[in-house]
Amino acid sequence: MKIRILGNSIRVRLTISEVQTLWNHGQIEDHTPFTTTTLSFVVKQHDLSKLLVDFKENRITLLIPQPMANELYNTQKVGFEESSGPVSILIEKDFVCLDRPVEDQRDNYPNPLLNC
């Protein structure tokens, strides 16, 4: 899971196996340990009508409606974008980078621009 936070926006990119885990198990979670605490990030299916995000006790939780998780897993849909209060949310599939071949990208989605 790649997370980018810029101002009031959060962008989350998910690999193939992360989308599969989200669909099959209802959530994915990752942790970044710091010296004095750990930041956790959870993407969780929920019975909602839109994306929501919250931050409590060093944990960012992004709630994704089950129909959106279904669409990410079962279709070619790239991602979803919404606002959750003051925060803009973008959750999308992680595609193979065209300009960073050093990074391990075996679990990324094929980049549609490679087929041009």
PDB file of N, CA and C in Angstrom:
ATOM      1  N   MET A   1       0.860  -1.164   0.000  1.00  0.00           N
ATOM      2  CA  MET A   1       0.000   0.000   0.000  1.00  0.00           C
ATOM      3  C   MET A   1       0.905   1.226   0.000  1.00  0.00           C
ATOM      4  N   LYS A   2       0.626   2.109  -0.928  1.00  0.00           N
ATOM      5  CA  LYS A   2       1.350   3.382  -0.968  1.00  0.00           C
ATOM      6  C   LYS A   2       0.388   4.476  -0.535  1.00  0.00           C
ATOM      7  N   ILE A   3       0.859   5.325   0.351  1.00  0.00           N
ATOM      8  CA  ILE A   3       0.029   6.398   0.882  1.00  0.00           C
ATOM      9  C   ILE A   3       0.738   7.713   0.633  1.00  0.00           C
ATOM     10  N   ARG A   4       0.001   8.646   0.072  1.00  0.00           N
ATOM     11  CA  ARG A   4       0.542   9.986  -0.147  1.00  0.00           C
ATOM     12  C   ARG A   4      -0.406  10.979   0.504  1.00  0.00           C
ATOM     13  N   ILE A   5       0.133  11.778   1.397  1.00  0.00           N
ATOM     14  CA  ILE A   5      -0.659  12.807   2.075  1.00  0.00           C
ATOM     15  C   ILE A   5      -0.081  14.152   1.682  1.00  0.00           C
ATOM     16  N   LEU A   6      -0.927  15.010   1.147  1.00  0.00           N
ATOM     17  CA  LEU A   6      -0.515  16.346   0.741  1.00  0.00           C
ATOM     18  C   LEU A   6      -1.620  17.305   1.144  1.00  0.00           C
ATOM     19  N   GLY A   7      -1.337  18.151   2.127  1.00  0.00           N
ATOM     20  CA  GLY A   7      -2.356  19.091   2.588  1.00  0.00           C
ATOM     21  C   GLY A   7      -3.582  18.340   3.075  1.00  0.00           C
ATOM     22  N   ASN A   8      -4.722  18.634   2.467  1.00  0.00           N
ATOM     23  CA  ASN A   8      -5.981  18.003   2.860  1.00  0.00           C
ATOM     24  C   ASN A   8      -6.355  16.833   1.964  1.00  0.00           C
ATOM     25  N   SER A   9      -5.381  16.176   1.366  1.00  0.00           N
ATOM     26  CA  SER A   9      -5.708  15.048   0.489  1.00  0.00           C
ATOM     27  C   SER A   9      -4.907  13.807   0.876  1.00  0.00           C
ATOM     28  N   ILE A  10      -5.565  12.664   0.735  1.00  0.00           N
ATOM     29  CA  ILE A  10      -4.932  11.370   0.960  1.00  0.00           C
ATOM     30  C   ILE A  10      -5.130  10.545  -0.303  1.00  0.00           C
ATOM     31  N   ARG A  11      -4.027  10.012  -0.809  1.00  0.00           N
ATOM     32  CA  ARG A  11      -4.065   9.163  -1.999  1.00  0.00           C
ATOM     33  C   ARG A  11      -3.506   7.797  -1.610  1.00  0.00           C
ATOM     34  N   VAL A  12      -4.266   6.756  -1.882  1.00  0.00           N
ATOM     35  CA  VAL A  12      -3.873   5.399  -1.528  1.00  0.00           C
ATOM     36  C   VAL A  12      -3.819   4.570  -2.803  1.00  0.00           C
ATOM     37  N   ARG A  13      -2.691   3.882  -3.005  1.00  0.00           N
ATOM     38  CA  ARG A  13      -2.546   2.990  -4.157  1.00  0.00           C
ATOM     39  C   ARG A  13      -2.405   1.561  -3.647  1.00  0.00           C
ATOM     40  N   LEU A  14      -3.183   0.659  -4.240  1.00  0.00           N
ATOM     41  CA  LEU A  14      -3.204  -0.734  -3.810  1.00  0.00           C
ATOM     42  C   LEU A  14      -2.693  -1.657  -4.908  1.00  0.00           C
ATOM     43  N   THR A  15      -1.873  -2.627  -4.506  1.00  0.00           N
ATOM     44  CA  THR A  15      -1.374  -3.632  -5.443  1.00  0.00           C
ATOM     45  C   THR A  15      -2.462  -4.675  -5.712  1.00  0.00           C
ATOM     46  N   ILE A  16      -2.168  -5.575  -6.622  1.00  0.00           N
ATOM     47  CA  ILE A  16      -3.118  -6.637  -6.968  1.00  0.00           C
ATOM     48  C   ILE A  16      -3.483  -7.457  -5.733  1.00  0.00           C
ATOM     49  N   SER A  17      -2.485  -7.911  -4.980  1.00  0.00           N
ATOM     50  CA  SER A  17      -2.775  -8.753  -3.810  1.00  0.00           C
ATOM     51  C   SER A  17      -3.497  -7.978  -2.711  1.00  0.00           C
ATOM     52  N   GLU A  18      -3.235  -6.688  -2.590  1.00  0.00           N
ATOM     53  CA  GLU A  18      -3.949  -5.880  -1.591  1.00  0.00           C
ATOM     54  C   GLU A  18      -5.416  -5.725  -1.957  1.00  0.00           C
ATOM     55  N   VAL A  19      -5.716  -5.520  -3.230  1.00  0.00           N
ATOM     56  CA  VAL A  19      -7.116  -5.441  -3.667  1.00  0.00           C
ATOM     57  C   VAL A  19      -7.798  -6.790  -3.433  1.00  0.00           C
ATOM     58  N   GLN A  20      -7.098  -7.885  -3.712  1.00  0.00           N
ATOM     59  CA  GLN A  20      -7.651  -9.224  -3.470  1.00  0.00           C
ATOM     60  C   GLN A  20      -7.931  -9.440  -1.984  1.00  0.00           C
ATOM     61  N   THR A  21      -6.991  -9.047  -1.126  1.00  0.00           N
ATOM     62  CA  THR A  21      -7.175  -9.200   0.318  1.00  0.00           C
ATOM     63  C   THR A  21      -8.321  -8.331   0.817  1.00  0.00           C
ATOM     64  N   LEU A  22      -8.402  -7.107   0.342  1.00  0.00           N
ATOM     65  CA  LEU A  22      -9.505  -6.219   0.723  1.00  0.00           C
ATOM     66  C   LEU A  22     -10.839  -6.854   0.364  1.00  0.00           C
ATOM     67  N   TRP A  23     -10.932  -7.419  -0.829  1.00  0.00           N
ATOM     68  CA  TRP A  23     -12.182  -8.032  -1.279  1.00  0.00           C
ATOM     69  C   TRP A  23     -12.487  -9.310  -0.500  1.00  0.00           C
ATOM     70  N   ASN A  24     -11.489 -10.165  -0.326  1.00  0.00           N
ATOM     71  CA  ASN A  24     -11.717 -11.473   0.294  1.00  0.00           C
ATOM     72  C   ASN A  24     -11.811 -11.438   1.815  1.00  0.00           C
ATOM     73  N   HIS A  25     -11.111 -10.507   2.463  1.00  0.00           N
ATOM     74  CA  HIS A  25     -11.059 -10.478   3.928  1.00  0.00           C
ATOM     75  C   HIS A  25     -11.648  -9.209   4.537  1.00  0.00           C
ATOM     76  N   GLY A  26     -12.038  -8.254   3.696  1.00  0.00           N
ATOM     77  CA  GLY A  26     -12.724  -7.073   4.198  1.00  0.00           C
ATOM     78  C   GLY A  26     -11.841  -5.924   4.630  1.00  0.00           C
ATOM     79  N   GLN A  27     -10.531  -6.155   4.733  1.00  0.00           N
ATOM     80  CA  GLN A  27      -9.648  -5.047   5.101  1.00  0.00           C
ATOM     81  C   GLN A  27      -8.194  -5.398   4.816  1.00  0.00           C
ATOM     82  N   ILE A  28      -7.395  -4.350   4.721  1.00  0.00           N
ATOM     83  CA  ILE A  28      -5.942  -4.472   4.661  1.00  0.00           C
ATOM     84  C   ILE A  28      -5.376  -3.466   5.648  1.00  0.00           C
ATOM     85  N   GLU A  29      -4.196  -3.768   6.149  1.00  0.00           N
ATOM     86  CA  GLU A  29      -3.593  -2.897   7.153  1.00  0.00           C
ATOM     87  C   GLU A  29      -2.085  -2.882   6.960  1.00  0.00           C
ATOM     88  N   ASP A  30      -1.490  -1.736   7.202  1.00  0.00           N
ATOM     89  CA  ASP A  30      -0.040  -1.606   7.140  1.00  0.00           C
ATOM     90  C   ASP A  30       0.410  -0.710   8.289  1.00  0.00           C
ATOM     91  N   HIS A  31       1.678  -0.846   8.676  1.00  0.00           N
ATOM     92  CA  HIS A  31       2.209  -0.111   9.824  1.00  0.00           C
ATOM     93  C   HIS A  31       3.569   0.473   9.475  1.00  0.00           C
ATOM     94  N   THR A  32       3.822   1.671  10.001  1.00  0.00           N
ATOM     95  CA  THR A  32       5.131   2.300   9.883  1.00  0.00           C
ATOM     96  C   THR A  32       5.624   2.609  11.290  1.00  0.00           C
ATOM     97  N   PRO A  33       6.638   1.871  11.770  1.00  0.00           N
ATOM     98  CA  PRO A  33       7.145   2.131  13.116  1.00  0.00           C
ATOM     99  C   PRO A  33       8.080   3.339  13.139  1.00  0.00           C
ATOM    100  N   PHE A  34       7.866   4.196  14.109  1.00  0.00           N
ATOM    101  CA  PHE A  34       8.750   5.320  14.387  1.00  0.00           C
ATOM    102  C   PHE A  34       9.453   5.035  15.713  1.00  0.00           C
ATOM    103  N   THR A  35      10.295   5.932  16.156  1.00  0.00           N
ATOM    104  CA  THR A  35      11.045   5.719  17.391  1.00  0.00           C
ATOM    105  C   THR A  35      10.130   5.552  18.600  1.00  0.00           C
ATOM    106  N   THR A  36       9.107   6.399  18.721  1.00  0.00           N
ATOM    107  CA  THR A  36       8.274   6.380  19.925  1.00  0.00           C
ATOM    108  C   THR A  36       6.865   5.853  19.716  1.00  0.00           C
ATOM    109  N   THR A  37       6.459   5.643  18.476  1.00  0.00           N
ATOM    110  CA  THR A  37       5.099   5.163  18.218  1.00  0.00           C
ATOM    111  C   THR A  37       5.043   4.534  16.828  1.00  0.00           C
ATOM    112  N   THR A  38       3.918   3.963  16.496  1.00  0.00           N
ATOM    113  CA  THR A  38       3.710   3.357  15.184  1.00  0.00           C
ATOM    114  C   THR A  38       2.486   3.983  14.538  1.00  0.00           C
ATOM    115  N   LEU A  39       2.618   4.338  13.275  1.00  0.00           N
ATOM    116  CA  LEU A  39       1.491   4.832  12.493  1.00  0.00           C
ATOM    117  C   LEU A  39       0.876   3.640  11.773  1.00  0.00           C
ATOM    118  N   SER A  40      -0.423   3.459  11.929  1.00  0.00           N
ATOM    119  CA  SER A  40      -1.141   2.384  11.245  1.00  0.00           C
ATOM    120  C   SER A  40      -2.073   2.983  10.210  1.00  0.00           C
ATOM    121  N   PHE A  41      -2.236   2.262   9.119  1.00  0.00           N
ATOM    122  CA  PHE A  41      -3.152   2.686   8.068  1.00  0.00           C
ATOM    123  C   PHE A  41      -3.997   1.484   7.691  1.00  0.00           C
ATOM    124  N   VAL A  42      -5.318   1.643   7.759  1.00  0.00           N
ATOM    125  CA  VAL A  42      -6.252   0.556   7.488  1.00  0.00           C
ATOM    126  C   VAL A  42      -7.208   0.990   6.382  1.00  0.00           C
ATOM    127  N   VAL A  43      -7.428   0.100   5.430  1.00  0.00           N
ATOM    128  CA  VAL A  43      -8.499   0.268   4.446  1.00  0.00           C
ATOM    129  C   VAL A  43      -9.475  -0.861   4.727  1.00  0.00           C
ATOM    130  N   LYS A  44     -10.729  -0.495   4.973  1.00  0.00           N
ATOM    131  CA  LYS A  44     -11.708  -1.462   5.456  1.00  0.00           C
ATOM    132  C   LYS A  44     -13.025  -1.311   4.703  1.00  0.00           C
ATOM    133  N   GLN A  45     -13.581  -2.444   4.269  1.00  0.00           N
ATOM    134  CA  GLN A  45     -14.911  -2.412   3.657  1.00  0.00           C
ATOM    135  C   GLN A  45     -15.938  -2.054   4.723  1.00  0.00           C
ATOM    136  N   HIS A  46     -16.949  -1.315   4.299  1.00  0.00           N
ATOM    137  CA  HIS A  46     -17.984  -0.914   5.242  1.00  0.00           C
ATOM    138  C   HIS A  46     -19.296  -0.755   4.494  1.00  0.00           C
ATOM    139  N   ASP A  47     -20.383  -0.792   5.244  1.00  0.00           N
ATOM    140  CA  ASP A  47     -21.718  -0.633   4.674  1.00  0.00           C
ATOM    141  C   ASP A  47     -22.067   0.857   4.617  1.00  0.00           C
ATOM    142  N   LEU A  48     -21.401   1.569   3.715  1.00  0.00           N
ATOM    143  CA  LEU A  48     -21.575   3.011   3.560  1.00  0.00           C
ATOM    144  C   LEU A  48     -21.905   3.324   2.114  1.00  0.00           C
ATOM    145  N   SER A  49     -22.199   4.575   1.855  1.00  0.00           N
ATOM    146  CA  SER A  49     -22.464   4.978   0.473  1.00  0.00           C
ATOM    147  C   SER A  49     -21.316   5.785  -0.128  1.00  0.00           C
ATOM    148  N   LYS A  50     -20.319   6.153   0.689  1.00  0.00           N
ATOM    149  CA  LYS A  50     -19.189   6.913   0.159  1.00  0.00           C
ATOM    150  C   LYS A  50     -17.928   6.630   0.970  1.00  0.00           C
ATOM    151  N   LEU A  51     -16.792   7.024   0.408  1.00  0.00           N
ATOM    152  CA  LEU A  51     -15.520   6.880   1.105  1.00  0.00           C
ATOM    153  C   LEU A  51     -15.487   7.795   2.325  1.00  0.00           C
ATOM    154  N   LEU A  52     -14.941   7.294   3.414  1.00  0.00           N
ATOM    155  CA  LEU A  52     -14.752   8.096   4.619  1.00  0.00           C
ATOM    156  C   LEU A  52     -13.359   7.823   5.165  1.00  0.00           C
ATOM    157  N   VAL A  53     -12.783   8.808   5.830  1.00  0.00           N
ATOM    158  CA  VAL A  53     -11.475   8.627   6.451  1.00  0.00           C
ATOM    159  C   VAL A  53     -11.488   9.279   7.825  1.00  0.00           C
ATOM    160  N   ASP A  54     -10.758   8.665   8.757  1.00  0.00           N
ATOM    161  CA  ASP A  54     -10.663   9.207  10.106  1.00  0.00           C
ATOM    162  C   ASP A  54      -9.267   8.909  10.656  1.00  0.00           C
ATOM    163  N   PHE A  55      -8.862   9.686  11.649  1.00  0.00           N
ATOM    164  CA  PHE A  55      -7.559   9.498  12.289  1.00  0.00           C
ATOM    165  C   PHE A  55      -7.754   9.505  13.794  1.00  0.00           C
ATOM    166  N   LYS A  56      -7.444   8.370  14.441  1.00  0.00           N
ATOM    167  CA  LYS A  56      -7.547   8.253  15.899  1.00  0.00           C
ATOM    168  C   LYS A  56      -6.430   7.354  16.397  1.00  0.00           C
ATOM    169  N   GLU A  57      -5.812   7.744  17.495  1.00  0.00           N
ATOM    170  CA  GLU A  57      -4.811   6.924  18.175  1.00  0.00           C
ATOM    171  C   GLU A  57      -3.748   6.382  17.214  1.00  0.00           C
ATOM    172  N   ASN A  58      -3.157   7.277  16.449  1.00  0.00           N
ATOM    173  CA  ASN A  58      -2.079   6.947  15.507  1.00  0.00           C
ATOM    174  C   ASN A  58      -2.515   5.991  14.395  1.00  0.00           C
ATOM    175  N   ARG A  59      -3.796   5.953  14.090  1.00  0.00           N
ATOM    176  CA  ARG A  59      -4.316   5.075  13.053  1.00  0.00           C
ATOM    177  C   ARG A  59      -5.194   5.871  12.093  1.00  0.00           C
ATOM    178  N   ILE A  60      -4.847   5.789  10.813  1.00  0.00           N
ATOM    179  CA  ILE A  60      -5.693   6.351   9.764  1.00  0.00           C
ATOM    180  C   ILE A  60      -6.555   5.208   9.249  1.00  0.00           C
ATOM    181  N   THR A  61      -7.865   5.398   9.274  1.00  0.00           N
ATOM    182  CA  THR A  61      -8.793   4.378   8.795  1.00  0.00           C
ATOM    183  C   THR A  61      -9.573   4.936   7.621  1.00  0.00           C
ATOM    184  N   LEU A  62      -9.449   4.271   6.486  1.00  0.00           N
ATOM    185  CA  LEU A  62     -10.204   4.636   5.295  1.00  0.00           C
ATOM    186  C   LEU A  62     -11.286   3.584   5.118  1.00  0.00           C
ATOM    187  N   LEU A  63     -12.541   4.016   5.147  1.00  0.00           N
ATOM    188  CA  LEU A  63     -13.674   3.113   4.966  1.00  0.00           C
ATOM    189  C   LEU A  63     -14.143   3.202   3.523  1.00  0.00           C
ATOM    190  N   ILE A  64     -14.224   2.038   2.873  1.00  0.00           N
ATOM    191  CA  ILE A  64     -14.638   1.976   1.480  1.00  0.00           C
ATOM    192  C   ILE A  64     -15.949   1.193   1.396  1.00  0.00           C
ATOM    193  N   PRO A  65     -16.947   1.742   0.716  1.00  0.00           N
ATOM    194  CA  PRO A  65     -18.194   0.999   0.547  1.00  0.00           C
ATOM    195  C   PRO A  65     -17.948  -0.342  -0.149  1.00  0.00           C
ATOM    196  N   GLN A  66     -18.668  -1.355   0.276  1.00  0.00           N
ATOM    197  CA  GLN A  66     -18.508  -2.687  -0.295  1.00  0.00           C
ATOM    198  C   GLN A  66     -18.678  -2.692  -1.812  1.00  0.00           C
ATOM    199  N   PRO A  67     -19.652  -1.961  -2.381  1.00  0.00           N
ATOM    200  CA  PRO A  67     -19.763  -1.953  -3.848  1.00  0.00           C
ATOM    201  C   PRO A  67     -18.519  -1.386  -4.547  1.00  0.00           C
ATOM    202  N   MET A  68     -17.841  -0.424  -3.939  1.00  0.00           N
ATOM    203  CA  MET A  68     -16.606   0.112  -4.524  1.00  0.00           C
ATOM    204  C   MET A  68     -15.490  -0.926  -4.463  1.00  0.00           C
ATOM    205  N   ALA A  69     -15.368  -1.622  -3.322  1.00  0.00           N
ATOM    206  CA  ALA A  69     -14.359  -2.678  -3.202  1.00  0.00           C
ATOM    207  C   ALA A  69     -14.620  -3.766  -4.237  1.00  0.00           C
ATOM    208  N   ASN A  70     -15.875  -4.100  -4.438  1.00  0.00           N
ATOM    209  CA  ASN A  70     -16.262  -5.083  -5.450  1.00  0.00           C
ATOM    210  C   ASN A  70     -15.842  -4.630  -6.839  1.00  0.00           C
ATOM    211  N   GLU A  71     -16.084  -3.376  -7.133  1.00  0.00           N
ATOM    212  CA  GLU A  71     -15.745  -2.840  -8.454  1.00  0.00           C
ATOM    213  C   GLU A  71     -14.228  -2.801  -8.673  1.00  0.00           C
ATOM    214  N   LEU A  72     -13.471  -2.443  -7.632  1.00  0.00           N
ATOM    215  CA  LEU A  72     -12.007  -2.461  -7.753  1.00  0.00           C
ATOM    216  C   LEU A  72     -11.514  -3.870  -8.069  1.00  0.00           C
ATOM    217  N   TYR A  73     -12.093  -4.858  -7.401  1.00  0.00           N
ATOM    218  CA  TYR A  73     -11.636  -6.238  -7.546  1.00  0.00           C
ATOM    219  C   TYR A  73     -12.110  -6.886  -8.852  1.00  0.00           C
ATOM    220  N   ASN A  74     -13.342  -6.647  -9.227  1.00  0.00           N
ATOM    221  CA  ASN A  74     -13.967  -7.408 -10.311  1.00  0.00           C
ATOM    222  C   ASN A  74     -14.056  -6.698 -11.653  1.00  0.00           C
ATOM    223  N   THR A  75     -13.581  -5.455 -11.743  1.00  0.00           N
ATOM    224  CA  THR A  75     -13.683  -4.726 -13.010  1.00  0.00           C
ATOM    225  C   THR A  75     -12.359  -4.029 -13.323  1.00  0.00           C
ATOM    226  N   GLN A  76     -12.346  -3.330 -14.429  1.00  0.00           N
ATOM    227  CA  GLN A  76     -11.171  -2.553 -14.833  1.00  0.00           C
ATOM    228  C   GLN A  76     -11.160  -1.156 -14.211  1.00  0.00           C
ATOM    229  N   LYS A  77     -12.139  -0.861 -13.367  1.00  0.00           N
ATOM    230  CA  LYS A  77     -12.203   0.446 -12.700  1.00  0.00           C
ATOM    231  C   LYS A  77     -10.880   0.721 -11.988  1.00  0.00           C
ATOM    232  N   VAL A  78     -10.325   1.904 -12.208  1.00  0.00           N
ATOM    233  CA  VAL A  78      -9.009   2.251 -11.675  1.00  0.00           C
ATOM    234  C   VAL A  78      -9.087   2.713 -10.225  1.00  0.00           C
ATOM    235  N   GLY A  79     -10.118   3.488  -9.865  1.00  0.00           N
ATOM    236  CA  GLY A  79     -10.184   3.993  -8.503  1.00  0.00           C
ATOM    237  C   GLY A  79     -11.404   4.847  -8.251  1.00  0.00           C
ATOM    238  N   PHE A  80     -11.436   5.408  -7.054  1.00  0.00           N
ATOM    239  CA  PHE A  80     -12.552   6.239  -6.613  1.00  0.00           C
ATOM    240  C   PHE A  80     -12.014   7.466  -5.892  1.00  0.00           C
ATOM    241  N   GLU A  81     -12.757   8.565  -6.009  1.00  0.00           N
ATOM    242  CA  GLU A  81     -12.348   9.829  -5.395  1.00  0.00           C
ATOM    243  C   GLU A  81     -13.557  10.485  -4.752  1.00  0.00           C
ATOM    244  N   GLU A  82     -13.374  10.996  -3.519  1.00  0.00           N
ATOM    245  CA  GLU A  82     -14.438  11.697  -2.803  1.00  0.00           C
ATOM    246  C   GLU A  82     -13.831  12.622  -1.771  1.00  0.00           C
ATOM    247  N   SER A  83     -14.699  13.408  -1.156  1.00  0.00           N
ATOM    248  CA  SER A  83     -14.301  14.220  -0.010  1.00  0.00           C
ATOM    249  C   SER A  83     -14.956  13.647   1.231  1.00  0.00           C
ATOM    250  N   SER A  84     -14.207  13.643   2.329  1.00  0.00           N
ATOM    251  CA  SER A  84     -14.711  13.195   3.618  1.00  0.00           C
ATOM    252  C   SER A  84     -14.494  14.354   4.577  1.00  0.00           C
ATOM    253  N   GLY A  85     -15.498  15.214   4.695  1.00  0.00           N
ATOM    254  CA  GLY A  85     -15.310  16.437   5.471  1.00  0.00           C
ATOM    255  C   GLY A  85     -14.287  17.296   4.766  1.00  0.00           C
ATOM    256  N   PRO A  86     -13.251  17.729   5.484  1.00  0.00           N
ATOM    257  CA  PRO A  86     -12.245  18.596   4.862  1.00  0.00           C
ATOM    258  C   PRO A  86     -11.186  17.838   4.055  1.00  0.00           C
ATOM    259  N   VAL A  87     -11.251  16.505   4.035  1.00  0.00           N
ATOM    260  CA  VAL A  87     -10.202  15.700   3.412  1.00  0.00           C
ATOM    261  C   VAL A  87     -10.677  15.103   2.091  1.00  0.00           C
ATOM    262  N   SER A  88      -9.865  15.279   1.045  1.00  0.00           N
ATOM    263  CA  SER A  88     -10.123  14.622  -0.241  1.00  0.00           C
ATOM    264  C   SER A  88      -9.449  13.258  -0.224  1.00  0.00           C
ATOM    265  N   ILE A  89     -10.162  12.246  -0.720  1.00  0.00           N
ATOM    266  CA  ILE A  89      -9.662  10.871  -0.712  1.00  0.00           C
ATOM    267  C   ILE A  89      -9.607  10.355  -2.138  1.00  0.00           C
ATOM    268  N   LEU A  90      -8.502   9.704  -2.484  1.00  0.00           N
ATOM    269  CA  LEU A  90      -8.372   8.990  -3.753  1.00  0.00           C
ATOM    270  C   LEU A  90      -7.820   7.613  -3.428  1.00  0.00           C
ATOM    271  N   ILE A  91      -8.547   6.571  -3.805  1.00  0.00           N
ATOM    272  CA  ILE A  91      -8.061   5.198  -3.653  1.00  0.00           C
ATOM    273  C   ILE A  91      -8.048   4.582  -5.041  1.00  0.00           C
ATOM    274  N   GLU A  92      -6.913   3.981  -5.405  1.00  0.00           N
ATOM    275  CA  GLU A  92      -6.772   3.493  -6.774  1.00  0.00           C
ATOM    276  C   GLU A  92      -5.822   2.310  -6.846  1.00  0.00           C
ATOM    277  N   LYS A  93      -5.894   1.615  -7.966  1.00  0.00           N
ATOM    278  CA  LYS A  93      -4.982   0.513  -8.243  1.00  0.00           C
ATOM    279  C   LYS A  93      -3.591   1.076  -8.514  1.00  0.00           C
ATOM    280  N   ASP A  94      -2.577   0.340  -8.071  1.00  0.00           N
ATOM    281  CA  ASP A  94      -1.185   0.749  -8.271  1.00  0.00           C
ATOM    282  C   ASP A  94      -0.670   0.119  -9.560  1.00  0.00           C
ATOM    283  N   PHE A  95      -0.366   0.959 -10.538  1.00  0.00           N
ATOM    284  CA  PHE A  95       0.126   0.492 -11.833  1.00  0.00           C
ATOM    285  C   PHE A  95       1.646   0.462 -11.853  1.00  0.00           C
ATOM    286  N   VAL A  96       2.180  -0.366 -12.722  1.00  0.00           N
ATOM    287  CA  VAL A  96       3.618  -0.415 -12.938  1.00  0.00           C
ATOM    288  C   VAL A  96       4.080   0.958 -13.397  1.00  0.00           C
ATOM    289  N   CYS A  97       5.141   1.468 -12.762  1.00  0.00           N
ATOM    290  CA  CYS A  97       5.713   2.763 -13.151  1.00  0.00           C
ATOM    291  C   CYS A  97       6.502   2.613 -14.439  1.00  0.00           C
ATOM    292  N   LEU A  98       6.380   3.586 -15.301  1.00  0.00           N
ATOM    293  CA  LEU A  98       7.124   3.569 -16.553  1.00  0.00           C
ATOM    294  C   LEU A  98       8.527   4.125 -16.386  1.00  0.00           C
ATOM    295  N   ASP A  99       8.734   4.919 -15.332  1.00  0.00           N
ATOM    296  CA  ASP A  99      10.023   5.604 -15.194  1.00  0.00           C
ATOM    297  C   ASP A  99      10.798   5.241 -13.924  1.00  0.00           C
ATOM    298  N   ARG A 100      10.402   4.198 -13.183  1.00  0.00           N
ATOM    299  CA  ARG A 100      11.137   3.759 -11.993  1.00  0.00           C
ATOM    300  C   ARG A 100      11.296   2.239 -11.995  1.00  0.00           C
ATOM    301  N   PRO A 101      12.093   1.721 -12.903  1.00  0.00           N
ATOM    302  CA  PRO A 101      12.212   0.264 -13.004  1.00  0.00           C
ATOM    303  C   PRO A 101      12.932  -0.393 -11.827  1.00  0.00           C
ATOM    304  N   VAL A 102      13.576   0.372 -10.959  1.00  0.00           N
ATOM    305  CA  VAL A 102      14.320  -0.181  -9.828  1.00  0.00           C
ATOM    306  C   VAL A 102      13.375  -0.744  -8.761  1.00  0.00           C
ATOM    307  N   GLU A 103      12.215  -0.130  -8.591  1.00  0.00           N
ATOM    308  CA  GLU A 103      11.250  -0.538  -7.580  1.00  0.00           C
ATOM    309  C   GLU A 103      10.643  -1.902  -7.934  1.00  0.00           C
ATOM    310  N   ASP A 104      10.435  -2.764  -6.926  1.00  0.00           N
ATOM    311  CA  ASP A 104       9.790  -4.059  -7.154  1.00  0.00           C
ATOM    312  C   ASP A 104       8.314  -3.822  -7.464  1.00  0.00           C
ATOM    313  N   GLN A 105       7.919  -4.120  -8.679  1.00  0.00           N
ATOM    314  CA  GLN A 105       6.556  -3.843  -9.131  1.00  0.00           C
ATOM    315  C   GLN A 105       5.837  -5.106  -9.605  1.00  0.00           C
ATOM    316  N   ARG A 106       6.312  -6.272  -9.171  1.00  0.00           N
ATOM    317  CA  ARG A 106       5.724  -7.532  -9.636  1.00  0.00           C
ATOM    318  C   ARG A 106       4.264  -7.685  -9.248  1.00  0.00           C
ATOM    319  N   ASP A 107       3.821  -7.021  -8.174  1.00  0.00           N
ATOM    320  CA  ASP A 107       2.443  -7.147  -7.707  1.00  0.00           C
ATOM    321  C   ASP A 107       1.569  -5.971  -8.155  1.00  0.00           C
ATOM    322  N   ASN A 108       2.105  -5.112  -9.012  1.00  0.00           N
ATOM    323  CA  ASN A 108       1.341  -3.966  -9.506  1.00  0.00           C
ATOM    324  C   ASN A 108       0.524  -4.359 -10.732  1.00  0.00           C
ATOM    325  N   TYR A 109      -0.501  -3.569 -10.988  1.00  0.00           N
ATOM    326  CA  TYR A 109      -1.328  -3.779 -12.177  1.00  0.00           C
ATOM    327  C   TYR A 109      -0.550  -3.368 -13.416  1.00  0.00           C
ATOM    328  N   PRO A 110      -0.763  -4.045 -14.542  1.00  0.00           N
ATOM    329  CA  PRO A 110      -0.100  -3.636 -15.782  1.00  0.00           C
ATOM    330  C   PRO A 110      -0.478  -2.201 -16.136  1.00  0.00           C
ATOM    331  N   ASN A 111       0.490  -1.424 -16.545  1.00  0.00           N
ATOM    332  CA  ASN A 111       0.226  -0.040 -16.918  1.00  0.00           C
ATOM    333  C   ASN A 111      -0.411  -0.012 -18.299  1.00  0.00           C
ATOM    334  N   PRO A 112      -1.605   0.594 -18.415  1.00  0.00           N
ATOM    335  CA  PRO A 112      -2.276   0.635 -19.721  1.00  0.00           C
ATOM    336  C   PRO A 112      -1.481   1.392 -20.781  1.00  0.00           C
ATOM    337  N   LEU A 113      -0.578   2.276 -20.366  1.00  0.00           N
ATOM    338  CA  LEU A 113       0.221   3.022 -21.340  1.00  0.00           C
ATOM    339  C   LEU A 113       1.288   2.148 -21.997  1.00  0.00           C
ATOM    340  N   LEU A 114       1.581   0.984 -21.414  1.00  0.00           N
ATOM    341  CA  LEU A 114       2.548   0.073 -22.021  1.00  0.00           C
ATOM    342  C   LEU A 114       1.998  -0.581 -23.280  1.00  0.00           C
ATOM    343  N   ASN A 115       0.688  -0.529 -23.462  1.00  0.00           N
ATOM    344  CA  ASN A 115       0.050  -1.154 -24.615  1.00  0.00           C
ATOM    345  C   ASN A 115      -0.126  -0.200 -25.779  1.00  0.00           C
ATOM    346  N   CYS A 116       0.447   0.984 -25.692  1.00  0.00           N
ATOM    347  CA  CYS A 116       0.289   1.979 -26.754  1.00  0.00           C
ATOM    348  C   CYS A 116       1.111   1.602 -27.970  1.00  0.00           C
TER     349      CYS A 116
END
